N, C-alpha and C. Protein backbone atom coordinates (compact mmCIF):
# COMPACT_ATOMS: atom_id res chain seq x y z
N MET A 1 -46.90 -14.32 26.99
CA MET A 1 -46.35 -13.62 25.97
C MET A 1 -46.57 -12.11 26.33
N VAL A 2 -45.26 -11.25 26.04
CA VAL A 2 -45.19 -9.95 26.32
C VAL A 2 -45.12 -9.27 25.05
N LEU A 3 -46.03 -8.31 24.70
CA LEU A 3 -45.86 -7.55 23.45
C LEU A 3 -45.63 -6.13 23.72
N ASP A 4 -44.76 -5.46 23.07
CA ASP A 4 -44.53 -4.03 23.21
C ASP A 4 -45.31 -3.29 22.05
N VAL A 5 -46.35 -2.76 22.14
CA VAL A 5 -47.19 -2.12 21.05
C VAL A 5 -47.54 -0.80 21.25
N ASP A 6 -47.88 0.03 20.19
CA ASP A 6 -48.26 1.39 20.55
C ASP A 6 -49.81 1.27 20.94
N VAL A 7 -50.46 2.40 21.22
CA VAL A 7 -51.67 2.54 21.66
C VAL A 7 -52.74 2.01 20.72
N GLN A 8 -52.59 2.22 19.25
CA GLN A 8 -53.46 1.60 18.37
C GLN A 8 -53.26 0.13 18.37
N GLY A 9 -52.15 -0.35 18.49
CA GLY A 9 -51.81 -1.79 18.55
C GLY A 9 -52.40 -2.51 19.67
N ALA A 10 -52.43 -1.85 20.88
CA ALA A 10 -52.97 -2.32 22.05
C ALA A 10 -54.49 -2.51 21.99
N ILE A 11 -55.13 -1.37 21.43
CA ILE A 11 -56.55 -1.31 21.24
C ILE A 11 -57.07 -2.47 20.29
N LYS A 12 -56.43 -2.71 19.20
CA LYS A 12 -56.77 -3.78 18.22
C LYS A 12 -56.47 -5.11 19.01
N LEU A 13 -55.39 -5.23 19.63
CA LEU A 13 -55.31 -6.42 20.47
C LEU A 13 -56.29 -6.83 21.53
N ARG A 14 -56.74 -5.93 22.05
CA ARG A 14 -57.95 -6.18 23.17
C ARG A 14 -59.13 -6.56 22.45
N LYS A 15 -59.25 -6.12 21.18
CA LYS A 15 -60.53 -6.50 20.35
C LYS A 15 -60.36 -8.09 20.11
N VAL A 16 -59.13 -8.48 19.73
CA VAL A 16 -59.01 -9.82 19.35
C VAL A 16 -58.83 -10.76 20.70
N TYR A 17 -58.17 -10.38 21.75
CA TYR A 17 -57.77 -10.97 22.83
C TYR A 17 -58.43 -10.24 24.01
N PRO A 18 -59.53 -10.20 24.38
CA PRO A 18 -60.10 -9.34 25.40
C PRO A 18 -59.48 -9.60 26.80
N GLN A 19 -58.93 -10.91 26.95
CA GLN A 19 -58.30 -11.36 28.25
C GLN A 19 -56.90 -10.75 28.34
N ALA A 20 -56.44 -10.07 27.29
CA ALA A 20 -55.02 -9.46 27.37
C ALA A 20 -54.91 -8.50 28.49
N ILE A 21 -53.88 -8.52 29.14
CA ILE A 21 -53.49 -7.34 30.14
C ILE A 21 -52.85 -6.23 29.41
N THR A 22 -53.47 -4.94 29.65
CA THR A 22 -52.84 -3.92 29.04
C THR A 22 -52.39 -2.94 30.24
N ILE A 23 -50.95 -2.70 29.92
CA ILE A 23 -50.15 -1.88 30.88
C ILE A 23 -49.60 -0.65 30.09
N PHE A 24 -49.84 0.59 30.40
CA PHE A 24 -49.36 1.72 29.71
C PHE A 24 -48.14 2.15 30.63
N VAL A 25 -47.01 2.26 30.12
CA VAL A 25 -45.93 2.83 30.81
C VAL A 25 -45.57 4.14 30.43
N LEU A 26 -45.72 5.01 31.46
CA LEU A 26 -45.54 6.33 31.03
C LEU A 26 -44.20 6.86 31.79
N PRO A 27 -43.62 7.94 31.13
CA PRO A 27 -42.50 8.52 31.83
C PRO A 27 -43.08 9.43 32.98
N PRO A 28 -42.28 9.73 33.86
CA PRO A 28 -42.56 10.57 35.10
C PRO A 28 -43.19 11.87 34.83
N SER A 29 -42.61 12.45 33.43
CA SER A 29 -43.00 13.71 33.16
C SER A 29 -42.82 13.98 31.71
N VAL A 30 -43.36 14.97 31.10
CA VAL A 30 -43.17 15.31 29.71
C VAL A 30 -41.78 15.77 29.55
N ALA A 31 -41.25 16.56 30.50
CA ALA A 31 -39.87 17.06 30.38
C ALA A 31 -38.98 15.72 30.37
N ALA A 32 -39.17 14.77 31.31
CA ALA A 32 -38.31 13.52 31.33
C ALA A 32 -38.59 12.79 29.83
N LEU A 33 -39.55 12.75 29.39
CA LEU A 33 -39.73 12.10 28.07
C LEU A 33 -38.86 12.78 27.02
N ARG A 34 -38.99 14.10 26.98
CA ARG A 34 -38.24 14.86 26.01
C ARG A 34 -36.68 14.49 26.20
N ARG A 35 -36.26 14.68 27.44
CA ARG A 35 -34.72 14.37 27.73
C ARG A 35 -34.40 12.87 27.23
N ARG A 36 -35.29 11.90 27.52
CA ARG A 36 -34.80 10.53 27.27
C ARG A 36 -34.84 10.39 25.70
N LEU A 37 -35.81 11.03 25.04
CA LEU A 37 -35.77 10.79 23.52
C LEU A 37 -34.49 11.48 22.94
N LYS A 38 -34.18 12.56 23.48
CA LYS A 38 -32.99 13.41 23.05
C LYS A 38 -31.63 12.63 23.26
N ARG A 39 -31.47 11.99 24.59
CA ARG A 39 -30.24 11.29 25.03
C ARG A 39 -30.09 10.15 24.19
N ARG A 40 -31.08 9.43 23.71
CA ARG A 40 -30.84 8.34 22.70
C ARG A 40 -30.02 8.62 21.61
N GLY A 41 -30.32 9.84 21.04
CA GLY A 41 -29.52 10.29 19.95
C GLY A 41 -29.69 9.49 18.63
N THR A 42 -30.74 8.74 18.51
CA THR A 42 -30.95 8.00 17.34
C THR A 42 -31.88 8.52 16.21
N GLU A 43 -32.30 9.74 16.41
CA GLU A 43 -33.12 10.43 15.30
C GLU A 43 -32.69 11.95 15.16
N SER A 44 -33.04 12.31 14.05
CA SER A 44 -32.72 13.66 13.56
C SER A 44 -33.69 14.53 14.41
N LYS A 45 -33.42 15.87 14.37
CA LYS A 45 -34.37 16.78 14.95
C LYS A 45 -35.73 16.66 14.64
N GLU A 46 -35.89 16.57 13.28
CA GLU A 46 -37.32 16.38 12.81
C GLU A 46 -37.88 15.13 13.10
N GLN A 47 -37.18 14.10 13.23
CA GLN A 47 -37.79 12.79 13.59
C GLN A 47 -38.03 12.85 15.09
N LEU A 48 -37.29 13.51 15.84
CA LEU A 48 -37.52 13.61 17.36
C LEU A 48 -38.72 14.49 17.50
N LYS A 49 -38.86 15.53 16.74
CA LYS A 49 -40.09 16.37 16.94
C LYS A 49 -41.42 15.55 16.67
N VAL A 50 -41.30 14.62 15.68
CA VAL A 50 -42.51 13.83 15.15
C VAL A 50 -42.73 12.80 16.37
N ARG A 51 -41.70 12.19 16.78
CA ARG A 51 -41.81 11.13 17.74
C ARG A 51 -42.32 11.71 19.16
N PHE A 52 -41.81 12.81 19.41
CA PHE A 52 -42.29 13.58 20.82
C PHE A 52 -43.85 13.86 20.61
N GLN A 53 -44.16 14.48 19.42
CA GLN A 53 -45.67 14.72 19.19
C GLN A 53 -46.47 13.48 19.29
N ASN A 54 -46.07 12.46 18.56
CA ASN A 54 -46.86 11.24 18.70
C ASN A 54 -46.90 10.76 20.16
N ALA A 55 -45.75 10.74 20.92
CA ALA A 55 -45.88 10.23 22.24
C ALA A 55 -46.79 10.95 23.21
N ARG A 56 -46.75 12.37 23.00
CA ARG A 56 -47.76 13.17 23.82
C ARG A 56 -49.18 12.97 23.53
N ARG A 57 -49.49 12.62 22.18
CA ARG A 57 -50.83 12.40 21.85
C ARG A 57 -51.22 11.06 22.46
N GLU A 58 -50.27 10.07 22.29
CA GLU A 58 -50.72 8.76 22.86
C GLU A 58 -50.87 8.67 24.41
N MET A 59 -49.95 9.47 25.10
CA MET A 59 -49.97 9.49 26.52
C MET A 59 -51.36 9.91 27.03
N LYS A 60 -52.01 10.84 26.33
CA LYS A 60 -53.38 11.14 26.73
C LYS A 60 -54.43 9.97 26.64
N LEU A 61 -54.12 8.99 26.04
CA LEU A 61 -55.00 7.90 25.77
C LEU A 61 -54.79 6.55 26.91
N PHE A 62 -54.18 6.97 28.09
CA PHE A 62 -53.73 6.04 29.04
C PHE A 62 -54.84 5.40 29.62
N ARG A 63 -55.95 6.09 29.63
CA ARG A 63 -57.29 5.47 30.32
C ARG A 63 -57.76 4.36 29.58
N LYS A 64 -57.34 4.01 28.36
CA LYS A 64 -57.75 2.93 27.60
C LYS A 64 -57.05 1.68 27.99
N PHE A 65 -56.24 1.67 28.87
CA PHE A 65 -55.34 0.55 29.48
C PHE A 65 -55.97 0.27 30.78
N GLU A 66 -55.74 -0.98 31.25
CA GLU A 66 -56.13 -1.43 32.51
C GLU A 66 -55.17 -1.04 33.60
N TYR A 67 -53.84 -0.82 33.39
CA TYR A 67 -52.93 -0.56 34.35
C TYR A 67 -51.99 0.46 33.89
N ILE A 68 -51.37 1.34 34.73
CA ILE A 68 -50.55 2.32 34.43
C ILE A 68 -49.24 2.05 35.31
N VAL A 69 -48.27 2.19 34.70
CA VAL A 69 -46.86 2.16 35.39
C VAL A 69 -46.10 3.42 35.06
N ILE A 70 -45.65 4.22 36.01
CA ILE A 70 -44.80 5.41 35.84
C ILE A 70 -43.35 4.82 35.97
N ASN A 71 -42.66 4.99 34.75
CA ASN A 71 -41.37 4.64 34.74
C ASN A 71 -40.30 5.88 35.18
N ASP A 72 -40.38 5.87 36.49
CA ASP A 72 -39.42 6.94 37.06
C ASP A 72 -38.04 6.17 37.39
N ASP A 73 -38.24 5.05 37.90
CA ASP A 73 -37.14 4.27 38.40
C ASP A 73 -37.21 2.81 37.70
N LEU A 74 -36.35 2.41 36.83
CA LEU A 74 -36.60 1.30 36.07
C LEU A 74 -36.85 0.02 36.87
N ASN A 75 -35.99 -0.17 37.90
CA ASN A 75 -36.24 -1.48 38.72
C ASN A 75 -37.56 -1.52 39.26
N ILE A 76 -38.19 -0.41 39.88
CA ILE A 76 -39.51 -0.33 40.41
C ILE A 76 -40.39 -0.50 39.37
N ALA A 77 -40.39 0.14 38.22
CA ALA A 77 -41.32 -0.19 37.02
C ALA A 77 -41.27 -1.61 36.63
N VAL A 78 -40.22 -2.27 36.67
CA VAL A 78 -40.14 -3.69 36.23
C VAL A 78 -40.92 -4.47 37.20
N ARG A 79 -40.64 -4.30 38.46
CA ARG A 79 -41.46 -4.84 39.65
C ARG A 79 -42.73 -4.79 39.58
N GLN A 80 -43.24 -3.53 39.23
CA GLN A 80 -44.69 -3.28 39.24
C GLN A 80 -45.32 -4.00 37.91
N VAL A 81 -44.68 -4.05 36.84
CA VAL A 81 -45.28 -4.85 35.70
C VAL A 81 -45.39 -6.21 36.16
N LEU A 82 -44.29 -6.72 36.73
CA LEU A 82 -44.43 -8.20 37.14
C LEU A 82 -45.45 -8.44 38.28
N SER A 83 -45.65 -7.56 39.05
CA SER A 83 -46.68 -7.69 40.02
C SER A 83 -48.04 -7.63 39.28
N ILE A 84 -48.35 -6.84 38.47
CA ILE A 84 -49.54 -6.72 37.68
C ILE A 84 -49.86 -8.13 36.94
N ILE A 85 -48.80 -8.59 36.24
CA ILE A 85 -48.92 -9.83 35.59
C ILE A 85 -49.22 -11.05 36.54
N ASP A 86 -48.54 -10.98 37.74
CA ASP A 86 -48.69 -12.10 38.78
C ASP A 86 -50.05 -12.00 39.31
N GLY A 87 -50.63 -10.80 39.62
CA GLY A 87 -51.91 -10.55 40.33
C GLY A 87 -53.05 -10.67 39.48
N HIS A 88 -52.86 -10.51 38.25
CA HIS A 88 -53.95 -10.41 37.18
C HIS A 88 -55.02 -11.60 37.39
N PRO A 89 -54.43 -12.89 37.34
CA PRO A 89 -55.50 -13.89 37.51
C PRO A 89 -56.22 -13.89 38.81
N CYS A 90 -55.79 -13.11 39.76
CA CYS A 90 -56.74 -13.06 41.02
C CYS A 90 -57.93 -12.19 40.83
N ARG A 91 -57.94 -11.18 40.02
CA ARG A 91 -59.13 -10.36 39.70
C ARG A 91 -60.45 -11.37 39.54
N THR A 92 -61.47 -10.79 40.23
CA THR A 92 -62.65 -11.68 40.16
C THR A 92 -63.26 -11.94 38.90
N GLU A 93 -63.04 -11.02 37.95
CA GLU A 93 -63.62 -11.22 36.66
C GLU A 93 -62.69 -12.29 35.79
N ASN A 94 -61.60 -12.72 36.35
CA ASN A 94 -60.75 -13.72 35.69
C ASN A 94 -60.98 -15.10 36.18
N LEU A 95 -61.86 -15.17 37.33
CA LEU A 95 -62.15 -16.54 37.75
C LEU A 95 -63.19 -17.20 36.82
N ASN A 96 -62.87 -18.54 36.63
CA ASN A 96 -63.73 -19.34 35.67
C ASN A 96 -64.94 -19.90 36.45
N LYS A 97 -65.94 -20.37 35.80
CA LYS A 97 -67.18 -20.82 36.55
C LYS A 97 -66.93 -21.92 37.53
N GLU A 98 -66.01 -22.84 37.20
CA GLU A 98 -65.66 -23.93 38.17
C GLU A 98 -65.05 -23.28 39.39
N GLN A 99 -64.13 -22.36 39.31
CA GLN A 99 -63.57 -21.79 40.49
C GLN A 99 -64.53 -21.03 41.27
N ILE A 100 -65.46 -20.42 40.67
CA ILE A 100 -66.47 -19.66 41.40
C ILE A 100 -67.45 -20.68 42.19
N ALA A 101 -67.78 -21.86 41.52
CA ALA A 101 -68.58 -22.84 42.20
C ALA A 101 -67.97 -23.46 43.25
N THR A 102 -66.66 -23.74 43.24
CA THR A 102 -65.88 -24.33 44.34
C THR A 102 -65.77 -23.32 45.43
N ILE A 103 -65.64 -22.07 45.30
CA ILE A 103 -65.41 -21.09 46.18
C ILE A 103 -66.64 -20.76 46.85
N THR A 104 -67.84 -20.79 46.18
CA THR A 104 -69.09 -20.30 46.74
C THR A 104 -70.06 -21.62 47.19
N GLY A 105 -69.55 -22.77 46.78
CA GLY A 105 -70.22 -23.96 47.08
C GLY A 105 -71.58 -24.10 46.35
């Protein structure tokens, strides 16, 4: 299951589901973020200002996530997210006791 949540939602989710994979998708720069938000044209100037301030505040919390993907090129970012999801079960902390016993004898 893939969820798109804000930083606070991700932190709460990890408390309930510690095995959840957390990926913070960042824009390539603050300027790119500003351009993208403006280009959407879905918010008023005031709404845009608030959204930008919230985004900048949340961007500073990226270290609370296990993985970071810089969304400069959408195709590359999607491949990176899929690679993270595919590779996550291979992390040593994700092996169960049976797997460890089988591996180590």
